[in-house]
Amino acid sequence: MRTNNFLASLTGSRGKLWKSMLPTERLLKSNTIENLWIYILSLLTRATAKRGDERSSSTKKRKIYAWEIPAIIEENFGFKSGKITPYRVLYRLEKEGFVKSELEERRRVYQITEKGKKELEKARSFYKTILKWLED
């Protein structure tokens, strides 16, 4: 996957044994794991499924189960989010009204709310501004 190669190029060959991080490693961490909410809201915005493979992209809109999120993030964005962190992030997002959940067949499914869409758009705008600053 192209994203995985890009992320690997940022971190280089340094392993987790290094105590200090390079600037690009800190940038990568702060823009992935430490801001997981952006990726979760993005996934919920474009939650799509292909017949037979619920994690693949297609045209059919659907809701997402919390247990799917780590695998979908790794597949789509190229980094591992951890197993428990997405649940904590979803709980906070729901508490603040950015996502909503409901039980379907004894499983909790999530959808983004209008408030969540607005917050995601603010984040996108922020990143666009940062990129503009860096390009000038």
N, C-alpha and C. Protein backbone atom coordinates (compact mmCIF):
# COMPACT_ATOMS: atom_id res chain seq x y z
N MET A 1 0.85 -1.17 0.00
CA MET A 1 0.00 0.00 0.00
C MET A 1 0.89 1.24 0.00
N ARG A 2 0.51 2.22 -0.77
CA ARG A 2 1.28 3.44 -0.91
C ARG A 2 1.42 4.18 0.41
N THR A 3 0.36 4.26 1.19
CA THR A 3 0.40 4.96 2.47
C THR A 3 1.41 4.32 3.40
N ASN A 4 1.44 3.00 3.46
CA ASN A 4 2.41 2.31 4.32
C ASN A 4 3.83 2.67 3.93
N ASN A 5 4.13 2.71 2.63
CA ASN A 5 5.47 3.05 2.18
C ASN A 5 5.82 4.47 2.57
N PHE A 6 4.88 5.38 2.45
CA PHE A 6 5.11 6.77 2.82
C PHE A 6 5.41 6.88 4.31
N LEU A 7 4.59 6.24 5.14
CA LEU A 7 4.81 6.30 6.59
C LEU A 7 6.14 5.66 6.96
N ALA A 8 6.48 4.56 6.31
CA ALA A 8 7.76 3.90 6.59
C ALA A 8 8.92 4.81 6.20
N SER A 9 8.76 5.57 5.12
CA SER A 9 9.84 6.46 4.71
C SER A 9 10.04 7.59 5.71
N LEU A 10 8.99 7.99 6.40
CA LEU A 10 9.12 9.04 7.40
C LEU A 10 9.85 8.55 8.64
N THR A 11 9.60 7.32 9.03
CA THR A 11 10.22 6.81 10.25
C THR A 11 11.59 6.19 10.00
N GLY A 12 11.88 5.87 8.77
CA GLY A 12 13.20 5.31 8.45
C GLY A 12 13.39 3.94 9.06
N SER A 13 14.62 3.62 9.35
CA SER A 13 14.92 2.28 9.86
C SER A 13 15.04 2.25 11.38
N ARG A 14 14.76 3.36 12.05
CA ARG A 14 14.88 3.40 13.51
C ARG A 14 13.79 2.55 14.15
N GLY A 15 14.19 1.74 15.10
CA GLY A 15 13.23 0.89 15.80
C GLY A 15 12.66 1.59 17.01
N LYS A 16 11.80 0.91 17.74
CA LYS A 16 11.16 1.47 18.92
C LYS A 16 12.11 1.55 20.11
N LEU A 17 13.32 1.00 19.99
CA LEU A 17 14.25 1.02 21.10
C LEU A 17 14.88 2.39 21.32
N TRP A 18 14.79 3.26 20.32
CA TRP A 18 15.35 4.60 20.46
C TRP A 18 14.52 5.40 21.45
N LYS A 19 15.21 6.07 22.38
CA LYS A 19 14.49 6.85 23.38
C LYS A 19 14.05 8.19 22.85
N SER A 20 14.80 8.80 21.96
CA SER A 20 14.40 10.08 21.40
C SER A 20 13.89 9.87 19.98
N MET A 21 12.96 10.71 19.61
CA MET A 21 12.36 10.58 18.30
C MET A 21 12.87 11.68 17.38
N LEU A 22 13.00 11.36 16.13
CA LEU A 22 13.32 12.37 15.13
C LEU A 22 12.11 13.29 14.95
N PRO A 23 12.34 14.50 14.47
CA PRO A 23 11.20 15.41 14.25
C PRO A 23 10.10 14.81 13.37
N THR A 24 10.48 14.10 12.31
CA THR A 24 9.45 13.51 11.45
C THR A 24 8.70 12.39 12.16
N GLU A 25 9.37 11.69 13.07
CA GLU A 25 8.70 10.64 13.84
C GLU A 25 7.67 11.26 14.79
N ARG A 26 8.05 12.37 15.43
CA ARG A 26 7.10 13.07 16.31
C ARG A 26 5.92 13.60 15.51
N LEU A 27 6.21 14.15 14.34
CA LEU A 27 5.16 14.68 13.47
C LEU A 27 4.19 13.56 13.07
N LEU A 28 4.76 12.43 12.70
CA LEU A 28 3.94 11.28 12.31
C LEU A 28 3.05 10.83 13.46
N LYS A 29 3.62 10.70 14.65
CA LYS A 29 2.85 10.24 15.80
C LYS A 29 1.75 11.24 16.16
N SER A 30 2.09 12.52 16.15
CA SER A 30 1.08 13.51 16.54
C SER A 30 -0.02 13.66 15.50
N ASN A 31 0.24 13.23 14.28
CA ASN A 31 -0.77 13.34 13.24
C ASN A 31 -1.42 12.01 12.90
N THR A 32 -1.14 10.99 13.67
CA THR A 32 -1.81 9.69 13.46
C THR A 32 -2.42 9.24 14.78
N ILE A 33 -1.66 8.53 15.57
CA ILE A 33 -2.17 7.93 16.80
C ILE A 33 -2.72 8.96 17.78
N GLU A 34 -2.02 10.08 17.92
CA GLU A 34 -2.46 11.08 18.89
C GLU A 34 -3.67 11.88 18.45
N ASN A 35 -4.03 11.78 17.20
CA ASN A 35 -5.23 12.44 16.69
C ASN A 35 -6.11 11.44 15.94
N LEU A 36 -6.33 10.34 16.58
CA LEU A 36 -7.10 9.25 15.99
C LEU A 36 -8.52 9.68 15.63
N TRP A 37 -9.05 10.65 16.35
CA TRP A 37 -10.42 11.11 16.10
C TRP A 37 -10.62 11.56 14.66
N ILE A 38 -9.60 12.18 14.06
CA ILE A 38 -9.72 12.65 12.67
C ILE A 38 -9.95 11.47 11.74
N TYR A 39 -9.21 10.41 11.95
CA TYR A 39 -9.32 9.23 11.10
C TYR A 39 -10.66 8.51 11.31
N ILE A 40 -11.10 8.44 12.55
CA ILE A 40 -12.38 7.80 12.84
C ILE A 40 -13.53 8.58 12.21
N LEU A 41 -13.53 9.90 12.37
CA LEU A 41 -14.59 10.70 11.75
C LEU A 41 -14.54 10.59 10.23
N SER A 42 -13.35 10.55 9.68
CA SER A 42 -13.20 10.40 8.24
C SER A 42 -13.76 9.07 7.76
N LEU A 43 -13.46 7.99 8.50
CA LEU A 43 -14.01 6.68 8.15
C LEU A 43 -15.53 6.67 8.22
N LEU A 44 -16.07 7.29 9.25
CA LEU A 44 -17.52 7.30 9.41
C LEU A 44 -18.19 8.16 8.35
N THR A 45 -17.49 9.17 7.85
CA THR A 45 -18.03 10.01 6.79
C THR A 45 -18.13 9.24 5.48
N ARG A 46 -17.12 8.46 5.22
CA ARG A 46 -17.09 7.74 3.94
C ARG A 46 -17.29 6.25 4.11
N ALA A 47 -18.01 5.87 5.17
CA ALA A 47 -18.24 4.45 5.45
C ALA A 47 -18.95 3.80 4.27
N THR A 48 -18.22 2.96 3.60
CA THR A 48 -18.75 2.26 2.44
C THR A 48 -18.41 0.80 2.53
N ALA A 49 -19.11 0.02 1.79
CA ALA A 49 -18.84 -1.42 1.81
C ALA A 49 -19.07 -2.02 0.43
N LYS A 50 -18.35 -3.05 0.18
CA LYS A 50 -18.48 -3.82 -1.04
C LYS A 50 -19.14 -5.13 -0.67
N ARG A 51 -19.97 -5.64 -1.50
CA ARG A 51 -20.62 -6.92 -1.20
C ARG A 51 -19.58 -7.97 -0.86
N GLY A 52 -19.78 -8.62 0.28
CA GLY A 52 -18.88 -9.69 0.68
C GLY A 52 -17.67 -9.23 1.46
N ASP A 53 -17.29 -7.97 1.34
CA ASP A 53 -16.14 -7.45 2.10
C ASP A 53 -16.52 -6.11 2.69
N GLU A 54 -16.89 -6.11 3.96
CA GLU A 54 -17.42 -4.92 4.61
C GLU A 54 -16.39 -3.82 4.77
N ARG A 55 -15.09 -4.14 4.69
CA ARG A 55 -14.08 -3.11 4.89
C ARG A 55 -13.63 -2.46 3.59
N SER A 56 -13.98 -3.01 2.45
CA SER A 56 -13.54 -2.45 1.18
C SER A 56 -14.43 -1.30 0.76
N SER A 57 -13.88 -0.45 -0.10
CA SER A 57 -14.66 0.70 -0.53
C SER A 57 -15.48 0.34 -1.77
N SER A 58 -16.66 0.92 -1.84
CA SER A 58 -17.57 0.75 -2.95
C SER A 58 -18.56 1.89 -2.88
N THR A 59 -19.82 1.63 -3.22
CA THR A 59 -20.78 2.73 -3.25
C THR A 59 -21.87 2.60 -2.20
N LYS A 60 -21.98 1.49 -1.54
CA LYS A 60 -23.06 1.27 -0.57
C LYS A 60 -22.69 1.83 0.81
N LYS A 61 -23.47 2.82 1.29
CA LYS A 61 -23.22 3.40 2.62
C LYS A 61 -23.62 2.40 3.68
N ARG A 62 -22.89 2.42 4.80
CA ARG A 62 -23.21 1.54 5.90
C ARG A 62 -22.67 2.11 7.19
N LYS A 63 -23.05 1.50 8.28
CA LYS A 63 -22.55 1.86 9.60
C LYS A 63 -21.33 1.00 9.90
N ILE A 64 -20.50 1.46 10.84
CA ILE A 64 -19.27 0.74 11.18
C ILE A 64 -19.33 0.27 12.61
N TYR A 65 -18.87 -0.96 12.83
CA TYR A 65 -18.73 -1.50 14.18
C TYR A 65 -17.39 -1.03 14.75
N ALA A 66 -17.35 -0.81 16.05
CA ALA A 66 -16.12 -0.34 16.70
C ALA A 66 -14.98 -1.33 16.50
N TRP A 67 -15.26 -2.62 16.57
CA TRP A 67 -14.20 -3.62 16.46
C TRP A 67 -13.54 -3.61 15.09
N GLU A 68 -14.21 -3.04 14.07
CA GLU A 68 -13.64 -2.98 12.72
C GLU A 68 -12.62 -1.86 12.56
N ILE A 69 -12.72 -0.84 13.38
CA ILE A 69 -11.96 0.38 13.17
C ILE A 69 -10.44 0.18 13.13
N PRO A 70 -9.83 -0.55 14.06
CA PRO A 70 -8.37 -0.70 13.96
C PRO A 70 -7.91 -1.29 12.62
N ALA A 71 -8.58 -2.31 12.14
CA ALA A 71 -8.20 -2.93 10.88
C ALA A 71 -8.44 -1.99 9.70
N ILE A 72 -9.53 -1.25 9.73
CA ILE A 72 -9.83 -0.32 8.63
C ILE A 72 -8.81 0.82 8.62
N ILE A 73 -8.44 1.31 9.79
CA ILE A 73 -7.43 2.38 9.86
C ILE A 73 -6.10 1.89 9.31
N GLU A 74 -5.70 0.70 9.72
CA GLU A 74 -4.43 0.17 9.23
C GLU A 74 -4.48 -0.03 7.71
N GLU A 75 -5.59 -0.54 7.22
CA GLU A 75 -5.74 -0.80 5.79
C GLU A 75 -5.77 0.49 4.98
N ASN A 76 -6.50 1.49 5.46
CA ASN A 76 -6.68 2.72 4.70
C ASN A 76 -5.62 3.79 4.94
N PHE A 77 -5.09 3.85 6.16
CA PHE A 77 -4.18 4.94 6.50
C PHE A 77 -2.77 4.48 6.81
N GLY A 78 -2.55 3.18 6.96
CA GLY A 78 -1.21 2.64 7.08
C GLY A 78 -0.55 2.72 8.44
N PHE A 79 -1.34 2.83 9.51
CA PHE A 79 -0.74 2.78 10.84
C PHE A 79 -1.65 2.00 11.77
N LYS A 80 -1.07 1.47 12.84
CA LYS A 80 -1.84 0.69 13.82
C LYS A 80 -2.31 1.62 14.93
N SER A 81 -3.59 1.53 15.24
CA SER A 81 -4.17 2.42 16.24
C SER A 81 -4.21 1.81 17.63
N GLY A 82 -3.92 0.54 17.76
CA GLY A 82 -4.09 -0.13 19.03
C GLY A 82 -5.47 -0.76 19.08
N LYS A 83 -5.68 -1.61 20.06
CA LYS A 83 -6.96 -2.32 20.13
C LYS A 83 -8.00 -1.61 20.98
N ILE A 84 -7.57 -0.92 22.02
CA ILE A 84 -8.52 -0.28 22.94
C ILE A 84 -8.72 1.20 22.62
N THR A 85 -7.71 1.84 22.10
CA THR A 85 -7.77 3.28 21.85
C THR A 85 -8.98 3.70 21.02
N PRO A 86 -9.33 3.01 19.93
CA PRO A 86 -10.51 3.44 19.17
C PRO A 86 -11.80 3.46 20.00
N TYR A 87 -11.94 2.51 20.92
CA TYR A 87 -13.12 2.48 21.78
C TYR A 87 -13.17 3.73 22.67
N ARG A 88 -12.01 4.09 23.22
CA ARG A 88 -11.94 5.29 24.07
C ARG A 88 -12.25 6.54 23.26
N VAL A 89 -11.72 6.61 22.05
CA VAL A 89 -11.96 7.77 21.19
C VAL A 89 -13.43 7.83 20.80
N LEU A 90 -14.01 6.70 20.43
CA LEU A 90 -15.43 6.67 20.07
C LEU A 90 -16.31 7.10 21.25
N TYR A 91 -15.97 6.65 22.44
CA TYR A 91 -16.73 7.03 23.63
C TYR A 91 -16.72 8.54 23.80
N ARG A 92 -15.55 9.14 23.67
CA ARG A 92 -15.44 10.60 23.82
C ARG A 92 -16.15 11.33 22.70
N LEU A 93 -16.01 10.82 21.47
CA LEU A 93 -16.69 11.45 20.34
C LEU A 93 -18.20 11.41 20.51
N GLU A 94 -18.70 10.28 21.02
CA GLU A 94 -20.14 10.17 21.24
C GLU A 94 -20.59 11.07 22.38
N LYS A 95 -19.81 11.12 23.43
CA LYS A 95 -20.14 11.96 24.58
C LYS A 95 -20.24 13.43 24.17
N GLU A 96 -19.39 13.85 23.24
CA GLU A 96 -19.39 15.24 22.77
C GLU A 96 -20.37 15.49 21.62
N GLY A 97 -21.01 14.41 21.13
CA GLY A 97 -22.02 14.56 20.08
C GLY A 97 -21.49 14.54 18.66
N PHE A 98 -20.24 14.10 18.47
CA PHE A 98 -19.66 14.04 17.13
C PHE A 98 -20.04 12.77 16.38
N VAL A 99 -20.37 11.72 17.13
CA VAL A 99 -20.86 10.48 16.54
C VAL A 99 -22.06 10.01 17.35
N LYS A 100 -22.82 9.13 16.76
CA LYS A 100 -23.92 8.50 17.49
C LYS A 100 -23.82 7.00 17.28
N SER A 101 -24.34 6.27 18.23
CA SER A 101 -24.31 4.82 18.11
C SER A 101 -25.68 4.25 18.43
N GLU A 102 -25.86 3.05 17.97
CA GLU A 102 -27.07 2.30 18.30
C GLU A 102 -26.75 0.82 18.26
N LEU A 103 -27.56 0.05 18.95
CA LEU A 103 -27.37 -1.39 18.95
C LEU A 103 -28.13 -2.00 17.79
N GLU A 104 -27.44 -2.82 17.04
CA GLU A 104 -28.04 -3.58 15.95
C GLU A 104 -27.58 -5.01 16.11
N GLU A 105 -28.52 -5.89 16.31
CA GLU A 105 -28.20 -7.31 16.48
C GLU A 105 -27.12 -7.51 17.55
N ARG A 106 -27.30 -6.90 18.68
CA ARG A 106 -26.40 -7.00 19.84
C ARG A 106 -25.01 -6.42 19.61
N ARG A 107 -24.86 -5.64 18.57
CA ARG A 107 -23.58 -4.97 18.29
C ARG A 107 -23.81 -3.48 18.17
N ARG A 108 -22.86 -2.71 18.68
CA ARG A 108 -22.96 -1.26 18.60
C ARG A 108 -22.35 -0.79 17.28
N VAL A 109 -23.14 0.00 16.54
CA VAL A 109 -22.67 0.56 15.28
C VAL A 109 -22.63 2.08 15.41
N TYR A 110 -21.73 2.70 14.65
CA TYR A 110 -21.49 4.13 14.77
C TYR A 110 -21.72 4.85 13.46
N GLN A 111 -22.20 6.09 13.59
CA GLN A 111 -22.36 6.99 12.46
C GLN A 111 -21.93 8.38 12.89
N ILE A 112 -21.44 9.14 11.94
CA ILE A 112 -21.03 10.50 12.23
C ILE A 112 -22.28 11.39 12.26
N THR A 113 -22.28 12.40 13.11
CA THR A 113 -23.38 13.36 13.20
C THR A 113 -23.02 14.61 12.40
N GLU A 114 -23.95 15.51 12.26
CA GLU A 114 -23.68 16.78 11.58
C GLU A 114 -22.59 17.54 12.33
N LYS A 115 -22.64 17.52 13.65
CA LYS A 115 -21.61 18.17 14.46
C LYS A 115 -20.24 17.55 14.17
N GLY A 116 -20.19 16.25 14.02
CA GLY A 116 -18.95 15.56 13.70
C GLY A 116 -18.44 15.93 12.32
N LYS A 117 -19.34 16.07 11.35
CA LYS A 117 -18.95 16.47 10.00
C LYS A 117 -18.35 17.87 10.01
N LYS A 118 -18.95 18.75 10.79
CA LYS A 118 -18.42 20.13 10.89
C LYS A 118 -17.04 20.13 11.53
N GLU A 119 -16.85 19.32 12.56
CA GLU A 119 -15.55 19.25 13.24
C GLU A 119 -14.49 18.67 12.30
N LEU A 120 -14.85 17.66 11.53
CA LEU A 120 -13.92 17.09 10.57
C LEU A 120 -13.56 18.12 9.51
N GLU A 121 -14.51 18.89 9.08
CA GLU A 121 -14.23 19.93 8.08
C GLU A 121 -13.27 20.99 8.65
N LYS A 122 -13.41 21.32 9.93
CA LYS A 122 -12.48 22.24 10.58
C LYS A 122 -11.06 21.66 10.57
N ALA A 123 -10.95 20.37 10.85
CA ALA A 123 -9.64 19.72 10.85
C ALA A 123 -9.04 19.73 9.44
N ARG A 124 -9.86 19.44 8.44
CA ARG A 124 -9.37 19.47 7.06
C ARG A 124 -8.90 20.86 6.68
N SER A 125 -9.65 21.85 7.07
CA SER A 125 -9.30 23.23 6.79
C SER A 125 -7.97 23.60 7.47
N PHE A 126 -7.80 23.15 8.70
CA PHE A 126 -6.56 23.39 9.43
C PHE A 126 -5.37 22.80 8.68
N TYR A 127 -5.50 21.54 8.25
CA TYR A 127 -4.40 20.90 7.54
C TYR A 127 -4.12 21.59 6.20
N LYS A 128 -5.15 22.03 5.52
CA LYS A 128 -4.94 22.76 4.26
C LYS A 128 -4.18 24.05 4.52
N THR A 129 -4.51 24.74 5.60
CA THR A 129 -3.81 25.98 5.96
C THR A 129 -2.35 25.70 6.26
N ILE A 130 -2.09 24.66 7.03
CA ILE A 130 -0.71 24.29 7.36
C ILE A 130 0.08 23.99 6.08
N LEU A 131 -0.53 23.22 5.17
CA LEU A 131 0.15 22.90 3.92
C LEU A 131 0.44 24.15 3.10
N LYS A 132 -0.48 25.10 3.09
CA LYS A 132 -0.26 26.36 2.39
C LYS A 132 0.94 27.09 2.98
N TRP A 133 1.04 27.14 4.32
CA TRP A 133 2.14 27.81 4.97
C TRP A 133 3.47 27.15 4.59
N LEU A 134 3.46 25.84 4.55
CA LEU A 134 4.69 25.11 4.23
C LEU A 134 5.11 25.27 2.76
N GLU A 135 4.14 25.47 1.88
CA GLU A 135 4.43 25.61 0.45
C GLU A 135 4.91 27.01 0.10
N ASP A 136 4.54 27.99 0.87
CA ASP A 136 4.93 29.38 0.58
C ASP A 136 6.33 29.68 0.99
